[in-house]
Amino acid sequence: MSDAPRVLVHHRDVHIGAQLLESIERRCAMLADEFSEASRFELSFENHGMSVRGLAHATGRRTDLATHAEASEPGIVVDRVLDKIERQLRRMHDKRVHGRRRSAQRAANKRHQPEE
């Protein structure tokens, strides 16, 4: 594991227990290991009537992603926002990696086409 990502958690009128904080940090570290582009995760939770609203923001090298979710329990909100951030990171990462491969293949095909 390289440098641990910076994880900031803000909560207003919502109880986030020590176990949930550890879970958030562990999951963010796993995301940072898999997607080296993300180096900072910021999560905010606030009471929103009868539910909890969660906002997540992942930043890093050429990366700036944000999402939100709402549920009745803080644990469910954490899972939802981190799942969404993971999907966004995966989509962005795959576009970068596979986009370069596709453009390299197109360039190679153009070079090797026989002239008529």
PDB file of N, CA and C in Angstrom:
ATOM      1  N   MET A   1       0.841  -1.159   0.000  1.00  0.00           N
ATOM      2  CA  MET A   1       0.000   0.000   0.000  1.00  0.00           C
ATOM      3  C   MET A   1       0.895   1.233   0.000  1.00  0.00           C
ATOM      4  N   SER A   2       0.640   2.129  -0.936  1.00  0.00           N
ATOM      5  CA  SER A   2       1.422   3.350  -0.987  1.00  0.00           C
ATOM      6  C   SER A   2       0.924   4.322   0.070  1.00  0.00           C
ATOM      7  N   ASP A   3       1.073   5.594  -0.185  1.00  0.00           N
ATOM      8  CA  ASP A   3       0.602   6.587   0.784  1.00  0.00           C
ATOM      9  C   ASP A   3      -0.891   6.418   1.026  1.00  0.00           C
ATOM     10  N   ALA A   4      -1.268   6.505   2.288  1.00  0.00           N
ATOM     11  CA  ALA A   4      -2.687   6.407   2.628  1.00  0.00           C
ATOM     12  C   ALA A   4      -3.400   7.655   2.120  1.00  0.00           C
ATOM     13  N   PRO A   5      -4.603   7.495   1.593  1.00  0.00           N
ATOM     14  CA  PRO A   5      -5.319   8.668   1.101  1.00  0.00           C
ATOM     15  C   PRO A   5      -5.769   9.547   2.258  1.00  0.00           C
ATOM     16  N   ARG A   6      -5.973  10.786   1.965  1.00  0.00           N
ATOM     17  CA  ARG A   6      -6.488  11.701   2.975  1.00  0.00           C
ATOM     18  C   ARG A   6      -8.005  11.555   2.987  1.00  0.00           C
ATOM     19  N   VAL A   7      -8.545  11.215   4.146  1.00  0.00           N
ATOM     20  CA  VAL A   7      -9.983  11.000   4.285  1.00  0.00           C
ATOM     21  C   VAL A   7     -10.528  11.992   5.302  1.00  0.00           C
ATOM     22  N   LEU A   8     -11.456  12.819   4.861  1.00  0.00           N
ATOM     23  CA  LEU A   8     -12.105  13.791   5.735  1.00  0.00           C
ATOM     24  C   LEU A   8     -13.578  13.425   5.857  1.00  0.00           C
ATOM     25  N   VAL A   9     -14.071  13.379   7.085  1.00  0.00           N
ATOM     26  CA  VAL A   9     -15.483  13.055   7.325  1.00  0.00           C
ATOM     27  C   VAL A   9     -16.086  14.179   8.153  1.00  0.00           C
ATOM     28  N   HIS A  10     -17.144  14.767   7.620  1.00  0.00           N
ATOM     29  CA  HIS A  10     -17.882  15.816   8.319  1.00  0.00           C
ATOM     30  C   HIS A  10     -19.282  15.278   8.607  1.00  0.00           C
ATOM     31  N   HIS A  11     -19.787  15.570   9.792  1.00  0.00           N
ATOM     32  CA  HIS A  11     -21.161  15.143  10.084  1.00  0.00           C
ATOM     33  C   HIS A  11     -21.848  16.177  10.955  1.00  0.00           C
ATOM     34  N   ARG A  12     -23.072  16.484  10.571  1.00  0.00           N
ATOM     35  CA  ARG A  12     -23.856  17.478  11.290  1.00  0.00           C
ATOM     36  C   ARG A  12     -25.164  16.813  11.733  1.00  0.00           C
ATOM     37  N   ASP A  13     -25.379  16.783  13.040  1.00  0.00           N
ATOM     38  CA  ASP A  13     -26.594  16.193  13.635  1.00  0.00           C
ATOM     39  C   ASP A  13     -26.774  14.725  13.278  1.00  0.00           C
ATOM     40  N   VAL A  14     -25.675  14.042  12.963  1.00  0.00           N
ATOM     41  CA  VAL A  14     -25.703  12.609  12.641  1.00  0.00           C
ATOM     42  C   VAL A  14     -24.596  11.943  13.449  1.00  0.00           C
ATOM     43  N   HIS A  15     -24.937  10.838  14.126  1.00  0.00           N
ATOM     44  CA  HIS A  15     -23.926  10.116  14.896  1.00  0.00           C
ATOM     45  C   HIS A  15     -23.207   9.124  13.983  1.00  0.00           C
ATOM     46  N   ILE A  16     -21.912   9.350  13.801  1.00  0.00           N
ATOM     47  CA  ILE A  16     -21.053   8.440  13.045  1.00  0.00           C
ATOM     48  C   ILE A  16     -20.137   7.784  14.061  1.00  0.00           C
ATOM     49  N   GLY A  17     -20.338   6.502  14.304  1.00  0.00           N
ATOM     50  CA  GLY A  17     -19.566   5.792  15.311  1.00  0.00           C
ATOM     51  C   GLY A  17     -18.145   5.497  14.867  1.00  0.00           C
ATOM     52  N   ALA A  18     -17.342   5.048  15.822  1.00  0.00           N
ATOM     53  CA  ALA A  18     -15.933   4.741  15.551  1.00  0.00           C
ATOM     54  C   ALA A  18     -15.803   3.605  14.541  1.00  0.00           C
ATOM     55  N   GLN A  19     -16.689   2.601  14.640  1.00  0.00           N
ATOM     56  CA  GLN A  19     -16.640   1.477  13.693  1.00  0.00           C
ATOM     57  C   GLN A  19     -16.912   1.943  12.273  1.00  0.00           C
ATOM     58  N   LEU A  20     -17.897   2.822  12.128  1.00  0.00           N
ATOM     59  CA  LEU A  20     -18.233   3.327  10.800  1.00  0.00           C
ATOM     60  C   LEU A  20     -17.106   4.196  10.245  1.00  0.00           C
ATOM     61  N   LEU A  21     -16.460   4.979  11.094  1.00  0.00           N
ATOM     62  CA  LEU A  21     -15.318   5.782  10.657  1.00  0.00           C
ATOM     63  C   LEU A  21     -14.168   4.899  10.172  1.00  0.00           C
ATOM     64  N   GLU A  22     -13.889   3.829  10.917  1.00  0.00           N
ATOM     65  CA  GLU A  22     -12.841   2.889  10.505  1.00  0.00           C
ATOM     66  C   GLU A  22     -13.195   2.226   9.183  1.00  0.00           C
ATOM     67  N   SER A  23     -14.466   1.881   9.022  1.00  0.00           N
ATOM     68  CA  SER A  23     -14.927   1.263   7.781  1.00  0.00           C
ATOM     69  C   SER A  23     -14.751   2.221   6.607  1.00  0.00           C
ATOM     70  N   ILE A  24     -15.076   3.489   6.811  1.00  0.00           N
ATOM     71  CA  ILE A  24     -14.920   4.493   5.764  1.00  0.00           C
ATOM     72  C   ILE A  24     -13.448   4.621   5.373  1.00  0.00           C
ATOM     73  N   GLU A  25     -12.576   4.729   6.360  1.00  0.00           N
ATOM     74  CA  GLU A  25     -11.143   4.876   6.078  1.00  0.00           C
ATOM     75  C   GLU A  25     -10.575   3.648   5.375  1.00  0.00           C
ATOM     76  N   ARG A  26     -10.998   2.475   5.801  1.00  0.00           N
ATOM     77  CA  ARG A  26     -10.511   1.234   5.183  1.00  0.00           C
ATOM     78  C   ARG A  26     -10.975   1.143   3.727  1.00  0.00           C
ATOM     79  N   ARG A  27     -12.230   1.475   3.487  1.00  0.00           N
ATOM     80  CA  ARG A  27     -12.773   1.396   2.132  1.00  0.00           C
ATOM     81  C   ARG A  27     -12.132   2.445   1.219  1.00  0.00           C
ATOM     82  N   CYS A  28     -11.909   3.636   1.728  1.00  0.00           N
ATOM     83  CA  CYS A  28     -11.244   4.679   0.933  1.00  0.00           C
ATOM     84  C   CYS A  28      -9.804   4.281   0.615  1.00  0.00           C
ATOM     85  N   ALA A  29      -9.128   3.642   1.554  1.00  0.00           N
ATOM     86  CA  ALA A  29      -7.767   3.160   1.309  1.00  0.00           C
ATOM     87  C   ALA A  29      -7.757   2.098   0.211  1.00  0.00           C
ATOM     88  N   MET A  30      -8.751   1.212   0.216  1.00  0.00           N
ATOM     89  CA  MET A  30      -8.856   0.199  -0.833  1.00  0.00           C
ATOM     90  C   MET A  30      -9.098   0.857  -2.190  1.00  0.00           C
ATOM     91  N   LEU A  31      -9.957   1.879  -2.227  1.00  0.00           N
ATOM     92  CA  LEU A  31     -10.216   2.587  -3.482  1.00  0.00           C
ATOM     93  C   LEU A  31      -8.957   3.291  -3.977  1.00  0.00           C
ATOM     94  N   ALA A  32      -8.208   3.900  -3.067  1.00  0.00           N
ATOM     95  CA  ALA A  32      -6.982   4.599  -3.452  1.00  0.00           C
ATOM     96  C   ALA A  32      -5.920   3.620  -3.954  1.00  0.00           C
ATOM     97  N   ASP A  33      -5.877   2.404  -3.392  1.00  0.00           N
ATOM     98  CA  ASP A  33      -4.940   1.396  -3.879  1.00  0.00           C
ATOM     99  C   ASP A  33      -5.295   0.956  -5.298  1.00  0.00           C
ATOM    100  N   GLU A  34      -6.588   0.774  -5.545  1.00  0.00           N
ATOM    101  CA  GLU A  34      -7.021   0.312  -6.859  1.00  0.00           C
ATOM    102  C   GLU A  34      -6.947   1.415  -7.907  1.00  0.00           C
ATOM    103  N   PHE A  35      -7.309   2.625  -7.512  1.00  0.00           N
ATOM    104  CA  PHE A  35      -7.325   3.758  -8.430  1.00  0.00           C
ATOM    105  C   PHE A  35      -6.359   4.814  -7.897  1.00  0.00           C
ATOM    106  N   SER A  36      -5.159   4.790  -8.393  1.00  0.00           N
ATOM    107  CA  SER A  36      -4.124   5.681  -7.871  1.00  0.00           C
ATOM    108  C   SER A  36      -4.415   7.148  -8.170  1.00  0.00           C
ATOM    109  N   GLU A  37      -5.384   7.414  -9.050  1.00  0.00           N
ATOM    110  CA  GLU A  37      -5.724   8.801  -9.368  1.00  0.00           C
ATOM    111  C   GLU A  37      -6.317   9.522  -8.167  1.00  0.00           C
ATOM    112  N   ALA A  38      -7.038   8.798  -7.314  1.00  0.00           N
ATOM    113  CA  ALA A  38      -7.725   9.414  -6.175  1.00  0.00           C
ATOM    114  C   ALA A  38      -6.810   9.420  -4.952  1.00  0.00           C
ATOM    115  N   SER A  39      -6.593  10.600  -4.393  1.00  0.00           N
ATOM    116  CA  SER A  39      -5.726  10.693  -3.222  1.00  0.00           C
ATOM    117  C   SER A  39      -6.422  11.360  -2.036  1.00  0.00           C
ATOM    118  N   ARG A  40      -7.619  11.892  -2.261  1.00  0.00           N
ATOM    119  CA  ARG A  40      -8.332  12.581  -1.185  1.00  0.00           C
ATOM    120  C   ARG A  40      -9.821  12.287  -1.307  1.00  0.00           C
ATOM    121  N   PHE A  41     -10.409  11.876  -0.199  1.00  0.00           N
ATOM    122  CA  PHE A  41     -11.842  11.591  -0.135  1.00  0.00           C
ATOM    123  C   PHE A  41     -12.456  12.468   0.953  1.00  0.00           C
ATOM    124  N   GLU A  42     -13.524  13.144   0.622  1.00  0.00           N
ATOM    125  CA  GLU A  42     -14.222  13.972   1.595  1.00  0.00           C
ATOM    126  C   GLU A  42     -15.681  13.542   1.620  1.00  0.00           C
ATOM    127  N   LEU A  43     -16.157  13.152   2.797  1.00  0.00           N
ATOM    128  CA  LEU A  43     -17.531  12.699   2.958  1.00  0.00           C
ATOM    129  C   LEU A  43     -18.231  13.593   3.977  1.00  0.00           C
ATOM    130  N   SER A  44     -19.446  13.997   3.656  1.00  0.00           N
ATOM    131  CA  SER A  44     -20.244  14.838   4.550  1.00  0.00           C
ATOM    132  C   SER A  44     -21.593  14.181   4.768  1.00  0.00           C
ATOM    133  N   PHE A  45     -22.034  14.195   6.020  1.00  0.00           N
ATOM    134  CA  PHE A  45     -23.326  13.616   6.363  1.00  0.00           C
ATOM    135  C   PHE A  45     -24.117  14.627   7.168  1.00  0.00           C
ATOM    136  N   GLU A  46     -25.403  14.732   6.855  1.00  0.00           N
ATOM    137  CA  GLU A  46     -26.261  15.650   7.604  1.00  0.00           C
ATOM    138  C   GLU A  46     -27.653  15.060   7.739  1.00  0.00           C
ATOM    139  N   ASN A  47     -28.302  15.437   8.822  1.00  0.00           N
ATOM    140  CA  ASN A  47     -29.669  15.010   9.077  1.00  0.00           C
ATOM    141  C   ASN A  47     -30.571  15.744   8.103  1.00  0.00           C
ATOM    142  N   HIS A  48     -31.423  15.002   7.429  1.00  0.00           N
ATOM    143  CA  HIS A  48     -32.306  15.592   6.426  1.00  0.00           C
ATOM    144  C   HIS A  48     -33.722  15.084   6.684  1.00  0.00           C
ATOM    145  N   GLY A  49     -34.350  15.644   7.712  1.00  0.00           N
ATOM    146  CA  GLY A  49     -35.686  15.186   8.077  1.00  0.00           C
ATOM    147  C   GLY A  49     -35.614  13.824   8.738  1.00  0.00           C
ATOM    148  N   MET A  50     -36.295  12.874   8.151  1.00  0.00           N
ATOM    149  CA  MET A  50     -36.304  11.510   8.679  1.00  0.00           C
ATOM    150  C   MET A  50     -35.188  10.649   8.102  1.00  0.00           C
ATOM    151  N   SER A  51     -34.322  11.227   7.299  1.00  0.00           N
ATOM    152  CA  SER A  51     -33.256  10.457   6.667  1.00  0.00           C
ATOM    153  C   SER A  51     -31.910  11.147   6.854  1.00  0.00           C
ATOM    154  N   VAL A  52     -30.890  10.488   6.362  1.00  0.00           N
ATOM    155  CA  VAL A  52     -29.520  11.005   6.408  1.00  0.00           C
ATOM    156  C   VAL A  52     -29.065  11.192   4.967  1.00  0.00           C
ATOM    157  N   ARG A  53     -28.531  12.375   4.695  1.00  0.00           N
ATOM    158  CA  ARG A  53     -28.010  12.666   3.359  1.00  0.00           C
ATOM    159  C   ARG A  53     -26.494  12.603   3.414  1.00  0.00           C
ATOM    160  N   GLY A  54     -25.913  11.936   2.441  1.00  0.00           N
ATOM    161  CA  GLY A  54     -24.462  11.818   2.364  1.00  0.00           C
ATOM    162  C   GLY A  54     -23.934  12.377   1.059  1.00  0.00           C
ATOM    163  N   LEU A  55     -22.853  13.110   1.141  1.00  0.00           N
ATOM    164  CA  LEU A  55     -22.172  13.669  -0.024  1.00  0.00           C
ATOM    165  C   LEU A  55     -20.742  13.155  -0.018  1.00  0.00           C
ATOM    166  N   ALA A  56     -20.242  12.751  -1.161  1.00  0.00           N
ATOM    167  CA  ALA A  56     -18.870  12.255  -1.264  1.00  0.00           C
ATOM    168  C   ALA A  56     -18.166  12.969  -2.406  1.00  0.00           C
ATOM    169  N   HIS A  57     -16.893  13.252  -2.184  1.00  0.00           N
ATOM    170  CA  HIS A  57     -16.080  13.968  -3.160  1.00  0.00           C
ATOM    171  C   HIS A  57     -14.707  13.292  -3.192  1.00  0.00           C
ATOM    172  N   ALA A  58     -14.293  12.849  -4.360  1.00  0.00           N
ATOM    173  CA  ALA A  58     -12.980  12.226  -4.530  1.00  0.00           C
ATOM    174  C   ALA A  58     -12.149  13.112  -5.460  1.00  0.00           C
ATOM    175  N   THR A  59     -10.961  13.475  -5.012  1.00  0.00           N
ATOM    176  CA  THR A  59     -10.086  14.302  -5.836  1.00  0.00           C
ATOM    177  C   THR A  59      -8.698  13.683  -5.880  1.00  0.00           C
ATOM    178  N   GLY A  60      -7.929  14.122  -6.847  1.00  0.00           N
ATOM    179  CA  GLY A  60      -6.567  13.626  -6.995  1.00  0.00           C
ATOM    180  C   GLY A  60      -6.006  14.072  -8.321  1.00  0.00           C
ATOM    181  N   ARG A  61      -5.066  13.310  -8.827  1.00  0.00           N
ATOM    182  CA  ARG A  61      -4.402  13.635 -10.083  1.00  0.00           C
ATOM    183  C   ARG A  61      -5.404  13.501 -11.243  1.00  0.00           C
ATOM    184  N   ARG A  62      -5.737  14.617 -11.868  1.00  0.00           N
ATOM    185  CA  ARG A  62      -6.709  14.686 -12.964  1.00  0.00           C
ATOM    186  C   ARG A  62      -8.049  14.052 -12.590  1.00  0.00           C
ATOM    187  N   THR A  63      -8.431  14.150 -11.325  1.00  0.00           N
ATOM    188  CA  THR A  63      -9.655  13.523 -10.843  1.00  0.00           C
ATOM    189  C   THR A  63     -10.425  14.488  -9.965  1.00  0.00           C
ATOM    190  N   ASP A  64     -11.712  14.611 -10.246  1.00  0.00           N
ATOM    191  CA  ASP A  64     -12.601  15.412  -9.419  1.00  0.00           C
ATOM    192  C   ASP A  64     -14.007  14.852  -9.588  1.00  0.00           C
ATOM    193  N   LEU A  65     -14.403  13.978  -8.674  1.00  0.00           N
ATOM    194  CA  LEU A  65     -15.694  13.305  -8.749  1.00  0.00           C
ATOM    195  C   LEU A  65     -16.524  13.607  -7.514  1.00  0.00           C
ATOM    196  N   ALA A  66     -17.830  13.690  -7.696  1.00  0.00           N
ATOM    197  CA  ALA A  66     -18.723  13.942  -6.570  1.00  0.00           C
ATOM    198  C   ALA A  66     -20.015  13.162  -6.762  1.00  0.00           C
ATOM    199  N   THR A  67     -20.637  12.789  -5.658  1.00  0.00           N
ATOM    200  CA  THR A  67     -21.917  12.087  -5.699  1.00  0.00           C
ATOM    201  C   THR A  67     -22.639  12.296  -4.381  1.00  0.00           C
ATOM    202  N   HIS A  68     -23.879  11.835  -4.325  1.00  0.00           N
ATOM    203  CA  HIS A  68     -24.672  11.956  -3.099  1.00  0.00           C
ATOM    204  C   HIS A  68     -25.643  10.789  -3.016  1.00  0.00           C
ATOM    205  N   ALA A  69     -26.143  10.558  -1.821  1.00  0.00           N
ATOM    206  CA  ALA A  69     -27.143   9.511  -1.585  1.00  0.00           C
ATOM    207  C   ALA A  69     -27.908   9.862  -0.324  1.00  0.00           C
ATOM    208  N   GLU A  70     -29.045   9.224  -0.170  1.00  0.00           N
ATOM    209  CA  GLU A  70     -29.879   9.474   1.001  1.00  0.00           C
ATOM    210  C   GLU A  70     -30.504   8.154   1.437  1.00  0.00           C
ATOM    211  N   ALA A  71     -30.546   7.928   2.752  1.00  0.00           N
ATOM    212  CA  ALA A  71     -31.142   6.718   3.311  1.00  0.00           C
ATOM    213  C   ALA A  71     -31.511   6.984   4.765  1.00  0.00           C
ATOM    214  N   SER A  72     -32.119   5.990   5.385  1.00  0.00           N
ATOM    215  CA  SER A  72     -32.576   6.169   6.761  1.00  0.00           C
ATOM    216  C   SER A  72     -31.464   5.962   7.785  1.00  0.00           C
ATOM    217  N   GLU A  73     -30.420   5.223   7.442  1.00  0.00           N
ATOM    218  CA  GLU A  73     -29.325   4.902   8.364  1.00  0.00           C
ATOM    219  C   GLU A  73     -27.992   5.413   7.816  1.00  0.00           C
ATOM    220  N   PRO A  74     -27.106   5.892   8.687  1.00  0.00           N
ATOM    221  CA  PRO A  74     -25.794   6.372   8.213  1.00  0.00           C
ATOM    222  C   PRO A  74     -24.970   5.283   7.524  1.00  0.00           C
ATOM    223  N   GLY A  75     -25.032   4.049   8.002  1.00  0.00           N
ATOM    224  CA  GLY A  75     -24.262   2.963   7.399  1.00  0.00           C
ATOM    225  C   GLY A  75     -24.671   2.688   5.964  1.00  0.00           C
ATOM    226  N   ILE A  76     -25.963   2.772   5.704  1.00  0.00           N
ATOM    227  CA  ILE A  76     -26.470   2.544   4.349  1.00  0.00           C
ATOM    228  C   ILE A  76     -26.017   3.670   3.428  1.00  0.00           C
ATOM    229  N   VAL A  77     -26.065   4.893   3.935  1.00  0.00           N
ATOM    230  CA  VAL A  77     -25.632   6.051   3.139  1.00  0.00           C
ATOM    231  C   VAL A  77     -24.153   5.931   2.785  1.00  0.00           C
ATOM    232  N   VAL A  78     -23.338   5.520   3.742  1.00  0.00           N
ATOM    233  CA  VAL A  78     -21.896   5.351   3.497  1.00  0.00           C
ATOM    234  C   VAL A  78     -21.677   4.347   2.375  1.00  0.00           C
ATOM    235  N   ASP A  79     -22.343   3.199   2.463  1.00  0.00           N
ATOM    236  CA  ASP A  79     -22.191   2.183   1.419  1.00  0.00           C
ATOM    237  C   ASP A  79     -22.611   2.710   0.052  1.00  0.00           C
ATOM    238  N   ARG A  80     -23.720   3.415   0.010  1.00  0.00           N
ATOM    239  CA  ARG A  80     -24.217   3.918  -1.274  1.00  0.00           C
ATOM    240  C   ARG A  80     -23.284   4.944  -1.899  1.00  0.00           C
ATOM    241  N   VAL A  81     -22.832   5.917  -1.124  1.00  0.00           N
ATOM    242  CA  VAL A  81     -21.975   6.952  -1.729  1.00  0.00           C
ATOM    243  C   VAL A  81     -20.613   6.379  -2.128  1.00  0.00           C
ATOM    244  N   LEU A  82     -20.079   5.471  -1.327  1.00  0.00           N
ATOM    245  CA  LEU A  82     -18.787   4.882  -1.703  1.00  0.00           C
ATOM    246  C   LEU A  82     -18.929   3.941  -2.897  1.00  0.00           C
ATOM    247  N   ASP A  83     -20.057   3.242  -3.021  1.00  0.00           N
ATOM    248  CA  ASP A  83     -20.307   2.419  -4.207  1.00  0.00           C
ATOM    249  C   ASP A  83     -20.381   3.291  -5.462  1.00  0.00           C
ATOM    250  N   LYS A  84     -21.064   4.430  -5.343  1.00  0.00           N
ATOM    251  CA  LYS A  84     -21.171   5.338  -6.489  1.00  0.00           C
ATOM    252  C   LYS A  84     -19.815   5.914  -6.872  1.00  0.00           C
ATOM    253  N   ILE A  85     -19.039   6.307  -5.878  1.00  0.00           N
ATOM    254  CA  ILE A  85     -17.701   6.845  -6.163  1.00  0.00           C
ATOM    255  C   ILE A  85     -16.834   5.771  -6.823  1.00  0.00           C
ATOM    256  N   GLU A  86     -16.946   4.536  -6.342  1.00  0.00           N
ATOM    257  CA  GLU A  86     -16.170   3.448  -6.949  1.00  0.00           C
ATOM    258  C   GLU A  86     -16.550   3.245  -8.415  1.00  0.00           C
ATOM    259  N   ARG A  87     -17.853   3.255  -8.717  1.00  0.00           N
ATOM    260  CA  ARG A  87     -18.296   3.107 -10.110  1.00  0.00           C
ATOM    261  C   ARG A  87     -17.775   4.247 -10.975  1.00  0.00           C
ATOM    262  N   GLN A  88     -17.811   5.474 -10.455  1.00  0.00           N
ATOM    263  CA  GLN A  88     -17.314   6.616 -11.218  1.00  0.00           C
ATOM    264  C   GLN A  88     -15.804   6.519 -11.442  1.00  0.00           C
ATOM    265  N   LEU A  89     -15.071   6.124 -10.401  1.00  0.00           N
ATOM    266  CA  LEU A  89     -13.624   5.957 -10.544  1.00  0.00           C
ATOM    267  C   LEU A  89     -13.295   4.864 -11.562  1.00  0.00           C
ATOM    268  N   ARG A  90     -14.021   3.766 -11.514  1.00  0.00           N
ATOM    269  CA  ARG A  90     -13.779   2.664 -12.447  1.00  0.00           C
ATOM    270  C   ARG A  90     -14.056   3.104 -13.885  1.00  0.00           C
ATOM    271  N   ARG A  91     -15.157   3.820 -14.094  1.00  0.00           N
ATOM    272  CA  ARG A  91     -15.514   4.287 -15.430  1.00  0.00           C
ATOM    273  C   ARG A  91     -14.435   5.229 -15.969  1.00  0.00           C
ATOM    274  N   MET A  92     -14.004   6.166 -15.135  1.00  0.00           N
ATOM    275  CA  MET A  92     -12.990   7.125 -15.551  1.00  0.00           C
ATOM    276  C   MET A  92     -11.653   6.425 -15.830  1.00  0.00           C
ATOM    277  N   HIS A  93     -11.268   5.521 -14.949  1.00  0.00           N
ATOM    278  CA  HIS A  93     -10.006   4.789 -15.103  1.00  0.00           C
ATOM    279  C   HIS A  93     -10.026   3.958 -16.385  1.00  0.00           C
ATOM    280  N   ASP A  94     -11.133   3.239 -16.622  1.00  0.00           N
ATOM    281  CA  ASP A  94     -11.224   2.408 -17.824  1.00  0.00           C
ATOM    282  C   ASP A  94     -11.192   3.249 -19.089  1.00  0.00           C
ATOM    283  N   LYS A  95     -11.825   4.413 -19.069  1.00  0.00           N
ATOM    284  CA  LYS A  95     -11.782   5.278 -20.243  1.00  0.00           C
ATOM    285  C   LYS A  95     -10.360   5.725 -20.533  1.00  0.00           C
ATOM    286  N   ARG A  96      -9.621   6.043 -19.494  1.00  0.00           N
ATOM    287  CA  ARG A  96      -8.233   6.483 -19.702  1.00  0.00           C
ATOM    288  C   ARG A  96      -7.361   5.356 -20.224  1.00  0.00           C
ATOM    289  N   VAL A  97      -7.442   4.196 -19.580  1.00  0.00           N
ATOM    290  CA  VAL A  97      -6.580   3.070 -19.955  1.00  0.00           C
ATOM    291  C   VAL A  97      -6.972   2.517 -21.313  1.00  0.00           C
ATOM    292  N   HIS A  98      -8.247   2.203 -21.481  1.00  0.00           N
ATOM    293  CA  HIS A  98      -8.680   1.571 -22.725  1.00  0.00           C
ATOM    294  C   HIS A  98      -8.759   2.562 -23.873  1.00  0.00           C
ATOM    295  N   GLY A  99      -8.961   3.833 -23.571  1.00  0.00           N
ATOM    296  CA  GLY A  99      -8.952   4.847 -24.620  1.00  0.00           C
ATOM    297  C   GLY A  99      -7.595   4.948 -25.290  1.00  0.00           C
ATOM    298  N   ARG A 100      -6.539   4.904 -24.499  1.00  0.00           N
ATOM    299  CA  ARG A 100      -5.183   4.936 -25.058  1.00  0.00           C
ATOM    300  C   ARG A 100      -4.912   3.691 -25.897  1.00  0.00           C
ATOM    301  N   ARG A 101      -5.385   2.538 -25.418  1.00  0.00           N
ATOM    302  CA  ARG A 101      -5.169   1.298 -26.168  1.00  0.00           C
ATOM    303  C   ARG A 101      -5.916   1.332 -27.495  1.00  0.00           C
ATOM    304  N   ARG A 102      -7.167   1.817 -27.469  1.00  0.00           N
ATOM    305  CA  ARG A 102      -7.951   1.881 -28.701  1.00  0.00           C
ATOM    306  C   ARG A 102      -7.301   2.829 -29.707  1.00  0.00           C
ATOM    307  N   SER A 103      -6.851   3.980 -29.248  1.00  0.00           N
ATOM    308  CA  SER A 103      -6.229   4.927 -30.186  1.00  0.00           C
ATOM    309  C   SER A 103      -4.914   4.362 -30.722  1.00  0.00           C
ATOM    310  N   ALA A 104      -4.169   3.630 -29.916  1.00  0.00           N
ATOM    311  CA  ALA A 104      -2.929   3.008 -30.392  1.00  0.00           C
ATOM    312  C   ALA A 104      -3.235   1.925 -31.427  1.00  0.00           C
ATOM    313  N   GLN A 105      -4.306   1.163 -31.213  1.00  0.00           N
ATOM    314  CA  GLN A 105      -4.683   0.131 -32.185  1.00  0.00           C
ATOM    315  C   GLN A 105      -5.131   0.761 -33.497  1.00  0.00           C
ATOM    316  N   ARG A 106      -5.890   1.852 -33.425  1.00  0.00           N
ATOM    317  CA  ARG A 106      -6.324   2.535 -34.643  1.00  0.00           C
ATOM    318  C   ARG A 106      -5.125   3.061 -35.415  1.00  0.00           C
ATOM    319  N   ALA A 107      -4.172   3.632 -34.700  1.00  0.00           N
ATOM    320  CA  ALA A 107      -2.979   4.160 -35.359  1.00  0.00           C
ATOM    321  C   ALA A 107      -2.177   3.036 -36.003  1.00  0.00           C
ATOM    322  N   ALA A 108      -2.083   1.892 -35.337  1.00  0.00           N
ATOM    323  CA  ALA A 108      -1.346   0.751 -35.892  1.00  0.00           C
ATOM    324  C   ALA A 108      -2.048   0.208 -37.129  1.00  0.00           C
ATOM    325  N   ASN A 109      -3.372   0.165 -37.095  1.00  0.00           N
ATOM    326  CA  ASN A 109      -4.121  -0.327 -38.258  1.00  0.00           C
ATOM    327  C   ASN A 109      -3.947   0.598 -39.457  1.00  0.00           C
ATOM    328  N   LYS A 110      -3.892   1.879 -39.242  1.00  0.00           N
ATOM    329  CA  LYS A 110      -3.706   2.824 -40.337  1.00  0.00           C
ATOM    330  C   LYS A 110      -2.330   2.677 -40.961  1.00  0.00           C
ATOM    331  N   ARG A 111      -1.323   2.375 -40.149  1.00  0.00           N
ATOM    332  CA  ARG A 111       0.032   2.219 -40.657  1.00  0.00           C
ATOM    333  C   ARG A 111       0.196   0.947 -41.480  1.00  0.00           C
ATOM    334  N   HIS A 112      -0.558  -0.106 -41.129  1.00  0.00           N
ATOM    335  CA  HIS A 112      -0.375  -1.403 -41.767  1.00  0.00           C
ATOM    336  C   HIS A 112      -1.390  -1.702 -42.843  1.00  0.00           C
ATOM    337  N   GLN A 113      -2.244  -0.769 -43.209  1.00  0.00           N
ATOM    338  CA  GLN A 113      -3.193  -1.016 -44.295  1.00  0.00           C
ATOM    339  C   GLN A 113      -2.494  -0.935 -45.635  1.00  0.00           C
ATOM    340  N   PRO A 114      -2.763  -1.920 -46.485  1.00  0.00           N
ATOM    341  CA  PRO A 114      -2.109  -1.883 -47.811  1.00  0.00           C
ATOM    342  C   PRO A 114      -2.753  -0.793 -48.672  1.00  0.00           C
ATOM    343  N   GLU A 115      -1.936  -0.173 -49.481  1.00  0.00           N
ATOM    344  CA  GLU A 115      -2.395   0.894 -50.359  1.00  0.00           C
ATOM    345  C   GLU A 115      -2.954   0.254 -51.622  1.00  0.00           C
ATOM    346  N   GLU A 116      -4.036   0.822 -52.119  1.00  0.00           N
ATOM    347  CA  GLU A 116      -4.645   0.272 -53.333  1.00  0.00           C
ATOM    348  C   GLU A 116      -4.298   1.082 -54.525  1.00  0.00           C
TER     349      GLU A 116
END
